[in-house]
């Protein structure tokens, strides 16, 4: 059984300025379950920290 690991999202965003939903899900340890990663992205989209570039492709908005 796979265990989830704690993901430092700031580090993930720094290492992946453009990323896919499935990349984030794998980094979170969710495997093929995209739901939790999608919910986390919705929060960051509302906060203006990321932008949706295309379907399931996102870009990080630089600070400032």
PDB file of N, CA and C in Angstrom:
ATOM      1  N   UNK A   1       0.842  -1.188   0.000  1.00  0.00           N
ATOM      2  CA  UNK A   1       0.000   0.000   0.000  1.00  0.00           C
ATOM      3  C   UNK A   1       0.879   1.241   0.000  1.00  0.00           C
ATOM      4  N   UNK A   2       0.578   2.191  -0.898  1.00  0.00           N
ATOM      5  CA  UNK A   2       1.330   3.430  -0.957  1.00  0.00           C
ATOM      6  C   UNK A   2       0.871   4.376   0.135  1.00  0.00           C
ATOM      7  N   UNK A   3       1.810   5.069   0.737  1.00  0.00           N
ATOM      8  CA  UNK A   3       1.450   6.071   1.728  1.00  0.00           C
ATOM      9  C   UNK A   3       1.602   7.447   1.099  1.00  0.00           C
ATOM     10  N   UNK A   4       0.746   8.351   1.513  1.00  0.00           N
ATOM     11  CA  UNK A   4       0.832   9.715   1.026  1.00  0.00           C
ATOM     12  C   UNK A   4       1.980  10.418   1.733  1.00  0.00           C
ATOM     13  N   UNK A   5       2.663  11.264   0.996  1.00  0.00           N
ATOM     14  CA  UNK A   5       3.712  12.070   1.606  1.00  0.00           C
ATOM     15  C   UNK A   5       3.254  13.517   1.610  1.00  0.00           C
ATOM     16  N   UNK A   6       3.783  14.283   2.539  1.00  0.00           N
ATOM     17  CA  UNK A   6       3.448  15.698   2.632  1.00  0.00           C
ATOM     18  C   UNK A   6       4.167  16.451   1.512  1.00  0.00           C
ATOM     19  N   UNK A   7       3.445  17.167   0.717  1.00  0.00           N
ATOM     20  CA  UNK A   7       4.009  17.898  -0.406  1.00  0.00           C
ATOM     21  C   UNK A   7       4.193  19.352  -0.016  1.00  0.00           C
ATOM     22  N   UNK A   8       5.396  19.871  -0.220  1.00  0.00           N
ATOM     23  CA  UNK A   8       5.627  21.297  -0.039  1.00  0.00           C
ATOM     24  C   UNK A   8       5.244  21.950  -1.361  1.00  0.00           C
ATOM     25  N   UNK A   9       4.088  22.574  -1.386  1.00  0.00           N
ATOM     26  CA  UNK A   9       3.555  23.119  -2.623  1.00  0.00           C
ATOM     27  C   UNK A   9       4.406  24.257  -3.161  1.00  0.00           C
ATOM     28  N   UNK A  10       5.001  25.046  -2.284  1.00  0.00           N
ATOM     29  CA  UNK A  10       5.871  26.136  -2.747  1.00  0.00           C
ATOM     30  C   UNK A  10       7.074  25.575  -3.501  1.00  0.00           C
ATOM     31  N   UNK A  11       7.638  24.488  -3.018  1.00  0.00           N
ATOM     32  CA  UNK A  11       8.755  23.850  -3.715  1.00  0.00           C
ATOM     33  C   UNK A  11       8.293  23.259  -5.041  1.00  0.00           C
ATOM     34  N   UNK A  12       7.131  22.636  -5.046  1.00  0.00           N
ATOM     35  CA  UNK A  12       6.597  22.074  -6.284  1.00  0.00           C
ATOM     36  C   UNK A  12       6.407  23.179  -7.318  1.00  0.00           C
ATOM     37  N   UNK A  13       5.804  24.303  -6.911  1.00  0.00           N
ATOM     38  CA  UNK A  13       5.589  25.412  -7.831  1.00  0.00           C
ATOM     39  C   UNK A  13       6.918  25.971  -8.334  1.00  0.00           C
ATOM     40  N   UNK A  14       7.931  26.043  -7.473  1.00  0.00           N
ATOM     41  CA  UNK A  14       9.241  26.554  -7.889  1.00  0.00           C
ATOM     42  C   UNK A  14       9.907  25.620  -8.900  1.00  0.00           C
ATOM     43  N   UNK A  15       9.741  24.320  -8.702  1.00  0.00           N
ATOM     44  CA  UNK A  15      10.352  23.331  -9.595  1.00  0.00           C
ATOM     45  C   UNK A  15       9.540  23.096 -10.875  1.00  0.00           C
ATOM     46  N   UNK A  16       8.257  23.427 -10.851  1.00  0.00           N
ATOM     47  CA  UNK A  16       7.362  23.174 -11.984  1.00  0.00           C
ATOM     48  C   UNK A  16       6.567  24.443 -12.303  1.00  0.00           C
ATOM     49  N   UNK A  17       7.160  25.416 -12.983  1.00  0.00           N
ATOM     50  CA  UNK A  17       6.411  26.644 -13.287  1.00  0.00           C
ATOM     51  C   UNK A  17       5.212  26.392 -14.198  1.00  0.00           C
ATOM     52  N   UNK A  18       5.267  25.351 -14.992  1.00  0.00           N
ATOM     53  CA  UNK A  18       4.124  24.892 -15.786  1.00  0.00           C
ATOM     54  C   UNK A  18       3.990  23.397 -15.509  1.00  0.00           C
ATOM     55  N   UNK A  19       2.790  22.963 -15.161  1.00  0.00           N
ATOM     56  CA  UNK A  19       2.599  21.565 -14.756  1.00  0.00           C
ATOM     57  C   UNK A  19       1.205  21.109 -15.120  1.00  0.00           C
ATOM     58  N   UNK A  20       1.039  19.793 -15.096  1.00  0.00           N
ATOM     59  CA  UNK A  20      -0.270  19.210 -15.370  1.00  0.00           C
ATOM     60  C   UNK A  20      -0.918  18.765 -14.054  1.00  0.00           C
ATOM     61  N   UNK A  21      -2.202  18.548 -14.130  1.00  0.00           N
ATOM     62  CA  UNK A  21      -2.945  18.054 -12.975  1.00  0.00           C
ATOM     63  C   UNK A  21      -2.387  16.713 -12.516  1.00  0.00           C
ATOM     64  N   UNK A  22      -2.070  15.831 -13.458  1.00  0.00           N
ATOM     65  CA  UNK A  22      -1.570  14.508 -13.080  1.00  0.00           C
ATOM     66  C   UNK A  22      -0.174  14.598 -12.456  1.00  0.00           C
ATOM     67  N   UNK A  23       0.664  15.556 -12.872  1.00  0.00           N
ATOM     68  CA  UNK A  23       1.971  15.734 -12.227  1.00  0.00           C
ATOM     69  C   UNK A  23       1.788  16.117 -10.760  1.00  0.00           C
ATOM     70  N   UNK A  24       0.858  17.029 -10.497  1.00  0.00           N
ATOM     71  CA  UNK A  24       0.609  17.434  -9.114  1.00  0.00           C
ATOM     72  C   UNK A  24       0.061  16.264  -8.312  1.00  0.00           C
ATOM     73  N   UNK A  25      -0.857  15.499  -8.880  1.00  0.00           N
ATOM     74  CA  UNK A  25      -1.427  14.354  -8.168  1.00  0.00           C
ATOM     75  C   UNK A  25      -0.339  13.341  -7.808  1.00  0.00           C
ATOM     76  N   UNK A  26       0.566  13.067  -8.748  1.00  0.00           N
ATOM     77  CA  UNK A  26       1.671  12.136  -8.461  1.00  0.00           C
ATOM     78  C   UNK A  26       2.582  12.690  -7.371  1.00  0.00           C
ATOM     79  N   UNK A  27       2.877  13.986  -7.429  1.00  0.00           N
ATOM     80  CA  UNK A  27       3.745  14.597  -6.420  1.00  0.00           C
ATOM     81  C   UNK A  27       3.091  14.556  -5.039  1.00  0.00           C
ATOM     82  N   UNK A  28       1.777  14.671  -5.007  1.00  0.00           N
ATOM     83  CA  UNK A  28       1.049  14.597  -3.735  1.00  0.00           C
ATOM     84  C   UNK A  28       0.979  13.181  -3.201  1.00  0.00           C
ATOM     85  N   UNK A  29       1.224  12.201  -4.065  1.00  0.00           N
ATOM     86  CA  UNK A  29       1.107  10.811  -3.659  1.00  0.00           C
ATOM     87  C   UNK A  29      -0.290  10.264  -3.859  1.00  0.00           C
ATOM     88  N   UNK A  30      -1.085  10.936  -4.692  1.00  0.00           N
ATOM     89  CA  UNK A  30      -2.466  10.520  -4.935  1.00  0.00           C
ATOM     90  C   UNK A  30      -2.581   9.447  -6.006  1.00  0.00           C
ATOM     91  N   UNK A  31      -1.495   9.196  -6.726  1.00  0.00           N
ATOM     92  CA  UNK A  31      -1.551   8.212  -7.802  1.00  0.00           C
ATOM     93  C   UNK A  31      -2.468   8.677  -8.909  1.00  0.00           C
ATOM     94  N   UNK A  32      -3.436   7.841  -9.286  1.00  0.00           N
ATOM     95  CA  UNK A  32      -4.359   8.169 -10.370  1.00  0.00           C
ATOM     96  C   UNK A  32      -5.585   8.958  -9.904  1.00  0.00           C
ATOM     97  N   UNK A  33      -5.745   9.136  -8.595  1.00  0.00           N
ATOM     98  CA  UNK A  33      -6.893   9.876  -8.050  1.00  0.00           C
ATOM     99  C   UNK A  33      -6.623  11.375  -8.182  1.00  0.00           C
ATOM    100  N   UNK A  34      -7.283  12.015  -9.149  1.00  0.00           N
ATOM    101  CA  UNK A  34      -7.044  13.431  -9.429  1.00  0.00           C
ATOM    102  C   UNK A  34      -7.901  14.368  -8.574  1.00  0.00           C
ATOM    103  N   UNK A  35      -8.882  13.843  -7.894  1.00  0.00           N
ATOM    104  CA  UNK A  35      -9.812  14.678  -7.125  1.00  0.00           C
ATOM    105  C   UNK A  35      -9.153  15.566  -6.087  1.00  0.00           C
ATOM    106  N   UNK A  36      -8.335  15.027  -5.185  1.00  0.00           N
ATOM    107  CA  UNK A  36      -7.709  15.880  -4.174  1.00  0.00           C
ATOM    108  C   UNK A  36      -6.804  16.955  -4.777  1.00  0.00           C
ATOM    109  N   UNK A  37      -6.047  16.619  -5.804  1.00  0.00           N
ATOM    110  CA  UNK A  37      -5.180  17.607  -6.460  1.00  0.00           C
ATOM    111  C   UNK A  37      -6.025  18.677  -7.141  1.00  0.00           C
ATOM    112  N   UNK A  38      -7.132  18.268  -7.760  1.00  0.00           N
ATOM    113  CA  UNK A  38      -8.028  19.224  -8.428  1.00  0.00           C
ATOM    114  C   UNK A  38      -8.609  20.202  -7.403  1.00  0.00           C
ATOM    115  N   UNK A  39      -8.992  19.694  -6.236  1.00  0.00           N
ATOM    116  CA  UNK A  39      -9.534  20.569  -5.196  1.00  0.00           C
ATOM    117  C   UNK A  39      -8.475  21.555  -4.705  1.00  0.00           C
ATOM    118  N   UNK A  40      -7.248  21.095  -4.550  1.00  0.00           N
ATOM    119  CA  UNK A  40      -6.173  21.981  -4.115  1.00  0.00           C
ATOM    120  C   UNK A  40      -5.921  23.066  -5.171  1.00  0.00           C
ATOM    121  N   UNK A  41      -5.963  22.688  -6.435  1.00  0.00           N
ATOM    122  CA  UNK A  41      -5.752  23.655  -7.504  1.00  0.00           C
ATOM    123  C   UNK A  41      -6.866  24.698  -7.542  1.00  0.00           C
ATOM    124  N   UNK A  42      -8.096  24.292  -7.302  1.00  0.00           N
ATOM    125  CA  UNK A  42      -9.204  25.246  -7.290  1.00  0.00           C
ATOM    126  C   UNK A  42      -8.946  26.348  -6.274  1.00  0.00           C
ATOM    127  N   UNK A  43      -8.440  25.974  -5.120  1.00  0.00           N
ATOM    128  CA  UNK A  43      -8.127  26.949  -4.081  1.00  0.00           C
ATOM    129  C   UNK A  43      -7.074  27.936  -4.579  1.00  0.00           C
ATOM    130  N   UNK A  44      -6.005  27.424  -5.168  1.00  0.00           N
ATOM    131  CA  UNK A  44      -4.915  28.288  -5.621  1.00  0.00           C
ATOM    132  C   UNK A  44      -5.310  29.114  -6.849  1.00  0.00           C
ATOM    133  N   UNK A  45      -6.226  28.611  -7.667  1.00  0.00           N
ATOM    134  CA  UNK A  45      -6.755  29.405  -8.771  1.00  0.00           C
ATOM    135  C   UNK A  45      -7.535  30.604  -8.233  1.00  0.00           C
ATOM    136  N   UNK A  46      -8.378  30.371  -7.222  1.00  0.00           N
ATOM    137  CA  UNK A  46      -9.147  31.465  -6.612  1.00  0.00           C
ATOM    138  C   UNK A  46      -8.235  32.497  -5.969  1.00  0.00           C
ATOM    139  N   UNK A  47      -7.114  32.037  -5.398  1.00  0.00           N
ATOM    140  CA  UNK A  47      -6.170  32.937  -4.738  1.00  0.00           C
ATOM    141  C   UNK A  47      -5.299  33.694  -5.736  1.00  0.00           C
ATOM    142  N   UNK A  48      -5.312  33.289  -7.003  1.00  0.00           N
ATOM    143  CA  UNK A  48      -4.511  33.941  -8.027  1.00  0.00           C
ATOM    144  C   UNK A  48      -3.061  33.482  -8.058  1.00  0.00           C
ATOM    145  N   UNK A  49      -2.752  32.373  -7.405  1.00  0.00           N
ATOM    146  CA  UNK A  49      -1.376  31.857  -7.366  1.00  0.00           C
ATOM    147  C   UNK A  49      -1.007  31.069  -8.620  1.00  0.00           C
ATOM    148  N   UNK A  50      -2.027  30.535  -9.296  1.00  0.00           N
ATOM    149  CA  UNK A  50      -1.787  29.795 -10.536  1.00  0.00           C
ATOM    150  C   UNK A  50      -2.842  30.217 -11.556  1.00  0.00           C
ATOM    151  N   UNK A  51      -2.544  29.922 -12.817  1.00  0.00           N
ATOM    152  CA  UNK A  51      -3.473  30.180 -13.910  1.00  0.00           C
ATOM    153  C   UNK A  51      -3.717  28.893 -14.671  1.00  0.00           C
ATOM    154  N   UNK A  52      -4.901  28.751 -15.195  1.00  0.00           N
ATOM    155  CA  UNK A  52      -5.210  27.622 -16.069  1.00  0.00           C
ATOM    156  C   UNK A  52      -4.794  28.007 -17.479  1.00  0.00           C
ATOM    157  N   UNK A  53      -3.876  27.229 -18.060  1.00  0.00           N
ATOM    158  CA  UNK A  53      -3.361  27.511 -19.399  1.00  0.00           C
ATOM    159  C   UNK A  53      -4.188  26.779 -20.447  1.00  0.00           C
ATOM    160  N   UNK A  54      -4.505  25.547 -20.173  1.00  0.00           N
ATOM    161  CA  UNK A  54      -5.323  24.706 -21.039  1.00  0.00           C
ATOM    162  C   UNK A  54      -5.935  23.651 -20.128  1.00  0.00           C
ATOM    163  N   UNK A  55      -6.706  22.747 -20.707  1.00  0.00           N
ATOM    164  CA  UNK A  55      -7.340  21.719 -19.880  1.00  0.00           C
ATOM    165  C   UNK A  55      -6.273  20.910 -19.147  1.00  0.00           C
ATOM    166  N   UNK A  56      -6.331  20.958 -17.817  1.00  0.00           N
ATOM    167  CA  UNK A  56      -5.433  20.232 -16.910  1.00  0.00           C
ATOM    168  C   UNK A  56      -3.968  20.644 -17.035  1.00  0.00           C
ATOM    169  N   UNK A  57      -3.712  21.858 -17.560  1.00  0.00           N
ATOM    170  CA  UNK A  57      -2.360  22.419 -17.600  1.00  0.00           C
ATOM    171  C   UNK A  57      -2.410  23.777 -16.904  1.00  0.00           C
ATOM    172  N   UNK A  58      -1.457  23.972 -15.990  1.00  0.00           N
ATOM    173  CA  UNK A  58      -1.463  25.169 -15.152  1.00  0.00           C
ATOM    174  C   UNK A  58      -0.097  25.829 -15.150  1.00  0.00           C
ATOM    175  N   UNK A  59      -0.087  27.139 -14.883  1.00  0.00           N
ATOM    176  CA  UNK A  59       1.155  27.899 -14.786  1.00  0.00           C
ATOM    177  C   UNK A  59       1.153  28.654 -13.468  1.00  0.00           C
ATOM    178  N   UNK A  60       2.300  28.745 -12.854  1.00  0.00           N
ATOM    179  CA  UNK A  60       2.470  29.442 -11.584  1.00  0.00           C
ATOM    180  C   UNK A  60       2.580  30.937 -11.870  1.00  0.00           C
ATOM    181  N   UNK A  61       1.886  31.742 -11.080  1.00  0.00           N
ATOM    182  CA  UNK A  61       2.008  33.198 -11.160  1.00  0.00           C
ATOM    183  C   UNK A  61       3.144  33.594 -10.218  1.00  0.00           C
ATOM    184  N   UNK A  62       4.188  34.256 -10.751  1.00  0.00           N
ATOM    185  CA  UNK A  62       5.304  34.639  -9.887  1.00  0.00           C
ATOM    186  C   UNK A  62       4.847  35.596  -8.771  1.00  0.00           C
ATOM    187  N   UNK A  63       5.463  35.511  -7.602  1.00  0.00           N
ATOM    188  CA  UNK A  63       5.101  36.427  -6.514  1.00  0.00           C
ATOM    189  C   UNK A  63       5.362  37.884  -6.927  1.00  0.00           C
ATOM    190  N   UNK A  64       4.493  38.751  -6.458  1.00  0.00           N
ATOM    191  CA  UNK A  64       4.683  40.175  -6.737  1.00  0.00           C
ATOM    192  C   UNK A  64       4.077  40.527  -8.029  1.00  0.00           C
TER     193      UNK A  64
END
